[in-house]
Amino acid sequence: MPVWLQARCGMEPRTVAAVAVVLVAAVGFAAQQFWSARPQPVTAPAVVAPAGGPAAGPAPAGAAAPSPAVSAGAGAARIVVDIGGKVRDPGVRRLPAGSRVEDALAAAGGVRPGTDTTGLNRARVLVDGEQVLVGAPAQPPPGGAGGARGPAPGPISLGSATVEQLDGLPGVGPVLAQHIVDFRTARGGFRSVEELRQVNGIGERRFADLRTLVRP
């Protein structure tokens, strides 16, 4: 700054130096702003195509086919058995296949009180057309299952059987067995099995149970 201006403005040299520094800094800042504000070429970004189309959603699951209905019309197989002897209600019964002797006894009302069932296998599976005799001499199960067996006991002779033997027949107790022996003694024996009908206490049902188990 000229000396005359310094003298006129009354500024000291130190102040003049500070003002000069400020002016230089201002000019430099203005030049920097001008340089930064100049227009610059801009490159447009490259357009990138999408890698793929929108992901296809899973196909809707179709309705499950209804399961086939279980046929309820098919009835269970059944067997027919004849239950006789010392049971409360003997007769022919129809039972489900696979039933056992215990089921047959229940269908016949159960065993009469006092009946000896020691030789009766209640767990044996029944077969169609079988006859179950309670209180009668043990018989081999139908079908020939098992090993070799001895001959089955034959019919009891009405002409020689004791009271104890007759008591073992189905539907025959000690009282009826004694009636049979008394009838035999009075008539001199039995000429036919049919005469058993004449014994006091033997009806048609009981005779039907006994006719194949006895002989004259």
Protein backbone atom coordinates (compact mmCIF):
# COMPACT_ATOMS: atom_id res chain seq x y z
CA MET A 1 0.00 0.00 0.00
CA PRO A 2 1.46 3.42 -0.85
CA VAL A 3 2.94 5.34 2.00
CA TRP A 4 0.76 8.32 1.34
CA LEU A 5 -2.33 6.13 1.65
CA GLN A 6 -1.07 4.66 4.85
CA ALA A 7 -0.42 8.13 6.20
CA ARG A 8 -3.78 9.37 5.01
CA CYS A 9 -5.71 6.44 6.54
CA GLY A 10 -3.63 6.47 9.67
CA MET A 11 -2.92 2.67 9.52
CA GLU A 12 0.14 1.11 10.91
CA PRO A 13 2.24 -1.29 8.83
CA ARG A 14 1.16 -4.25 10.92
CA THR A 15 -2.48 -3.57 10.20
CA VAL A 16 -1.80 -3.15 6.54
CA ALA A 17 -0.08 -6.57 6.45
CA ALA A 18 -3.05 -8.23 8.10
CA VAL A 19 -5.46 -6.67 5.62
CA ALA A 20 -3.27 -7.84 2.75
CA VAL A 21 -3.31 -11.41 4.06
CA VAL A 22 -7.08 -11.33 4.33
CA LEU A 23 -7.42 -10.03 0.79
CA VAL A 24 -5.11 -12.72 -0.57
CA ALA A 25 -7.07 -15.41 1.25
CA ALA A 26 -10.34 -14.04 -0.08
CA VAL A 27 -9.05 -14.00 -3.63
CA GLY A 28 -7.79 -17.57 -3.30
CA PHE A 29 -11.13 -18.79 -1.91
CA ALA A 30 -13.02 -17.05 -4.72
CA ALA A 31 -10.77 -18.64 -7.31
CA GLN A 32 -11.32 -22.08 -5.79
CA GLN A 33 -15.11 -21.65 -5.82
CA PHE A 34 -15.01 -20.51 -9.41
CA TRP A 35 -12.95 -23.52 -10.42
CA SER A 36 -15.23 -25.96 -8.59
CA ALA A 37 -18.38 -24.44 -10.10
CA ARG A 38 -17.31 -24.83 -13.71
CA PRO A 39 -19.46 -27.27 -15.75
CA GLN A 40 -18.11 -30.83 -16.02
CA PRO A 41 -19.15 -33.60 -18.41
CA VAL A 42 -21.40 -36.17 -16.79
CA THR A 43 -21.51 -39.77 -18.01
CA ALA A 44 -24.93 -41.34 -17.82
CA PRO A 45 -24.91 -44.63 -15.92
CA ALA A 46 -25.36 -47.73 -18.00
CA VAL A 47 -28.80 -49.26 -17.82
CA VAL A 48 -28.52 -52.74 -16.37
CA ALA A 49 -31.27 -55.10 -17.45
CA PRO A 50 -32.81 -57.17 -14.65
CA ALA A 51 -31.31 -60.60 -14.32
CA GLY A 52 -34.65 -62.26 -14.78
CA GLY A 53 -38.32 -61.70 -14.73
CA PRO A 54 -40.28 -61.72 -11.54
CA ALA A 55 -40.03 -65.01 -9.75
CA ALA A 56 -42.99 -67.10 -10.51
CA GLY A 57 -44.89 -68.02 -7.40
CA PRO A 58 -45.52 -71.64 -6.61
CA ALA A 59 -48.41 -73.12 -8.42
CA PRO A 60 -51.43 -73.34 -6.15
CA ALA A 61 -51.78 -76.77 -4.70
CA GLY A 62 -54.77 -78.60 -6.04
CA ALA A 63 -57.38 -79.98 -3.73
CA ALA A 64 -56.44 -83.37 -2.42
CA ALA A 65 -58.45 -86.18 -3.85
CA PRO A 66 -60.91 -87.51 -1.28
CA SER A 67 -59.87 -90.79 0.20
CA PRO A 68 -62.05 -93.70 -0.82
CA ALA A 69 -64.85 -94.29 1.62
CA VAL A 70 -64.58 -97.36 3.73
CA SER A 71 -67.31 -99.74 2.86
CA ALA A 72 -69.48 -100.26 5.90
CA GLY A 73 -71.77 -102.76 4.31
CA ALA A 74 -69.49 -105.75 4.55
CA GLY A 75 -70.54 -107.66 7.63
CA ALA A 76 -68.16 -109.74 9.69
CA ALA A 77 -68.03 -113.47 8.96
CA ARG A 78 -69.99 -115.63 11.36
CA ILE A 79 -70.00 -119.29 12.34
CA VAL A 80 -72.78 -121.57 13.55
CA VAL A 81 -72.18 -123.80 16.58
CA ASP A 82 -74.39 -126.16 18.55
CA ILE A 83 -74.06 -125.70 22.31
CA GLY A 84 -75.46 -128.49 24.45
CA GLY A 85 -74.99 -130.29 27.72
CA LYS A 86 -75.03 -128.67 31.12
CA VAL A 87 -75.61 -125.06 30.08
CA ARG A 88 -78.52 -122.82 30.99
CA ASP A 89 -79.84 -122.33 27.46
CA PRO A 90 -78.55 -124.97 25.01
CA GLY A 91 -79.14 -124.62 21.30
CA VAL A 92 -77.69 -123.38 18.02
CA ARG A 93 -75.89 -120.04 18.15
CA ARG A 94 -74.38 -117.78 15.50
CA LEU A 95 -71.10 -116.24 16.66
CA PRO A 96 -68.42 -114.07 15.02
CA ALA A 97 -65.65 -115.99 13.30
CA GLY A 98 -62.73 -116.49 15.66
CA SER A 99 -64.92 -116.92 18.74
CA ARG A 100 -63.75 -119.27 21.45
CA VAL A 101 -65.47 -121.85 23.64
CA GLU A 102 -65.81 -119.23 26.38
CA ASP A 103 -67.86 -117.06 23.99
CA ALA A 104 -70.12 -120.01 23.17
CA LEU A 105 -70.75 -120.68 26.86
CA ALA A 106 -71.67 -117.03 27.41
CA ALA A 107 -74.07 -117.17 24.45
CA ALA A 108 -75.76 -120.20 26.03
CA GLY A 109 -76.30 -118.44 29.35
CA GLY A 110 -73.31 -119.95 31.11
CA VAL A 111 -72.57 -123.32 32.70
CA ARG A 112 -75.01 -124.78 35.20
CA PRO A 113 -73.88 -124.63 38.84
CA GLY A 114 -71.95 -127.66 40.01
CA THR A 115 -70.88 -128.75 36.51
CA ASP A 116 -67.36 -130.12 36.26
CA THR A 117 -65.54 -128.30 33.43
CA THR A 118 -62.05 -129.58 34.20
CA GLY A 119 -61.53 -131.09 30.75
CA LEU A 120 -63.14 -128.17 28.88
CA ASN A 121 -60.69 -125.92 27.05
CA ARG A 122 -62.43 -122.54 27.18
CA ALA A 123 -59.69 -120.86 25.11
CA ARG A 124 -60.07 -123.14 22.06
CA VAL A 125 -61.11 -121.39 18.83
CA LEU A 126 -64.42 -122.62 17.43
CA VAL A 127 -65.03 -123.74 13.86
CA ASP A 128 -68.19 -123.56 11.81
CA GLY A 129 -70.59 -126.46 12.40
CA GLU A 130 -68.99 -127.53 15.68
CA GLN A 131 -70.88 -128.97 18.63
CA VAL A 132 -69.84 -127.98 22.15
CA LEU A 133 -71.04 -130.38 24.84
CA VAL A 134 -70.55 -129.24 28.43
CA GLY A 135 -70.28 -131.96 31.05
CA ALA A 136 -69.95 -134.72 28.43
CA PRO A 137 -66.86 -136.92 28.00
CA ALA A 138 -64.00 -134.97 26.43
CA GLN A 139 -63.97 -135.08 22.64
CA PRO A 140 -61.09 -134.16 20.31
CA PRO A 141 -61.49 -130.81 18.56
CA PRO A 142 -62.69 -131.01 14.95
CA GLY A 143 -60.19 -130.82 12.13
CA GLY A 144 -57.82 -133.48 13.45
CA ALA A 145 -55.36 -130.91 14.85
CA GLY A 146 -52.61 -132.19 17.10
CA GLY A 147 -50.83 -135.50 17.29
CA ALA A 148 -52.26 -138.99 17.12
CA ARG A 149 -55.07 -139.65 19.57
CA GLY A 150 -56.64 -142.78 20.89
CA PRO A 151 -60.14 -143.74 19.80
CA ALA A 152 -62.89 -141.51 21.14
CA PRO A 153 -65.04 -143.10 23.85
CA GLY A 154 -68.16 -144.68 22.39
CA PRO A 155 -71.75 -144.22 23.53
CA ILE A 156 -72.57 -145.28 27.08
CA SER A 157 -74.62 -148.45 27.44
CA LEU A 158 -77.94 -147.76 29.13
CA GLY A 159 -78.09 -151.41 30.11
CA SER A 160 -74.87 -151.42 32.15
CA ALA A 161 -73.93 -147.82 32.99
CA THR A 162 -73.63 -146.85 36.63
CA VAL A 163 -75.24 -143.81 38.24
CA GLU A 164 -71.86 -142.04 38.18
CA GLN A 165 -71.42 -142.68 34.45
CA LEU A 166 -74.92 -141.49 33.63
CA ASP A 167 -74.40 -138.40 35.79
CA GLY A 168 -71.56 -137.39 33.46
CA LEU A 169 -73.90 -137.08 30.47
CA PRO A 170 -75.01 -133.57 29.44
CA GLY A 171 -78.19 -132.49 31.16
CA VAL A 172 -78.17 -135.49 33.51
CA GLY A 173 -77.70 -135.00 37.23
CA PRO A 174 -77.52 -137.58 40.00
CA VAL A 175 -81.30 -137.60 40.47
CA LEU A 176 -82.06 -138.20 36.79
CA ALA A 177 -79.29 -140.79 36.58
CA GLN A 178 -80.96 -142.71 39.40
CA HIS A 179 -84.31 -142.52 37.55
CA ILE A 180 -82.67 -144.10 34.50
CA VAL A 181 -81.24 -146.94 36.60
CA ASP A 182 -84.62 -147.49 38.31
CA PHE A 183 -86.38 -147.57 34.92
CA ARG A 184 -83.83 -150.10 33.64
CA THR A 185 -84.31 -152.29 36.71
CA ALA A 186 -88.09 -152.17 36.43
CA ARG A 187 -88.12 -152.96 32.69
CA GLY A 188 -85.28 -155.42 32.65
CA GLY A 189 -83.06 -153.18 30.54
CA PHE A 190 -83.40 -150.96 27.48
CA ARG A 191 -84.38 -152.49 24.15
CA SER A 192 -83.82 -149.20 22.27
CA VAL A 193 -82.60 -145.70 22.90
CA GLU A 194 -86.13 -144.43 22.20
CA GLU A 195 -87.27 -145.93 25.53
CA LEU A 196 -85.22 -143.24 27.24
CA ARG A 197 -88.09 -140.84 26.47
CA GLN A 198 -90.22 -142.73 29.01
CA VAL A 199 -87.91 -141.97 31.91
CA ASN A 200 -89.32 -139.36 34.27
CA GLY A 201 -87.49 -136.04 33.79
CA ILE A 202 -86.31 -136.51 30.19
CA GLY A 203 -88.00 -134.18 27.73
CA GLU A 204 -87.56 -133.79 24.00
CA ARG A 205 -84.66 -131.35 24.24
CA ARG A 206 -82.74 -133.45 26.73
CA PHE A 207 -83.39 -136.60 24.72
CA ALA A 208 -82.01 -134.85 21.61
CA ASP A 209 -78.81 -134.12 23.54
CA LEU A 210 -78.47 -137.72 24.76
CA ARG A 211 -79.54 -139.89 21.84
CA THR A 212 -76.11 -139.89 20.17
CA LEU A 213 -74.25 -140.41 23.45
CA VAL A 214 -75.98 -143.60 24.61
CA ARG A 215 -76.89 -147.02 23.30
CA PRO A 216 -79.27 -149.74 24.59
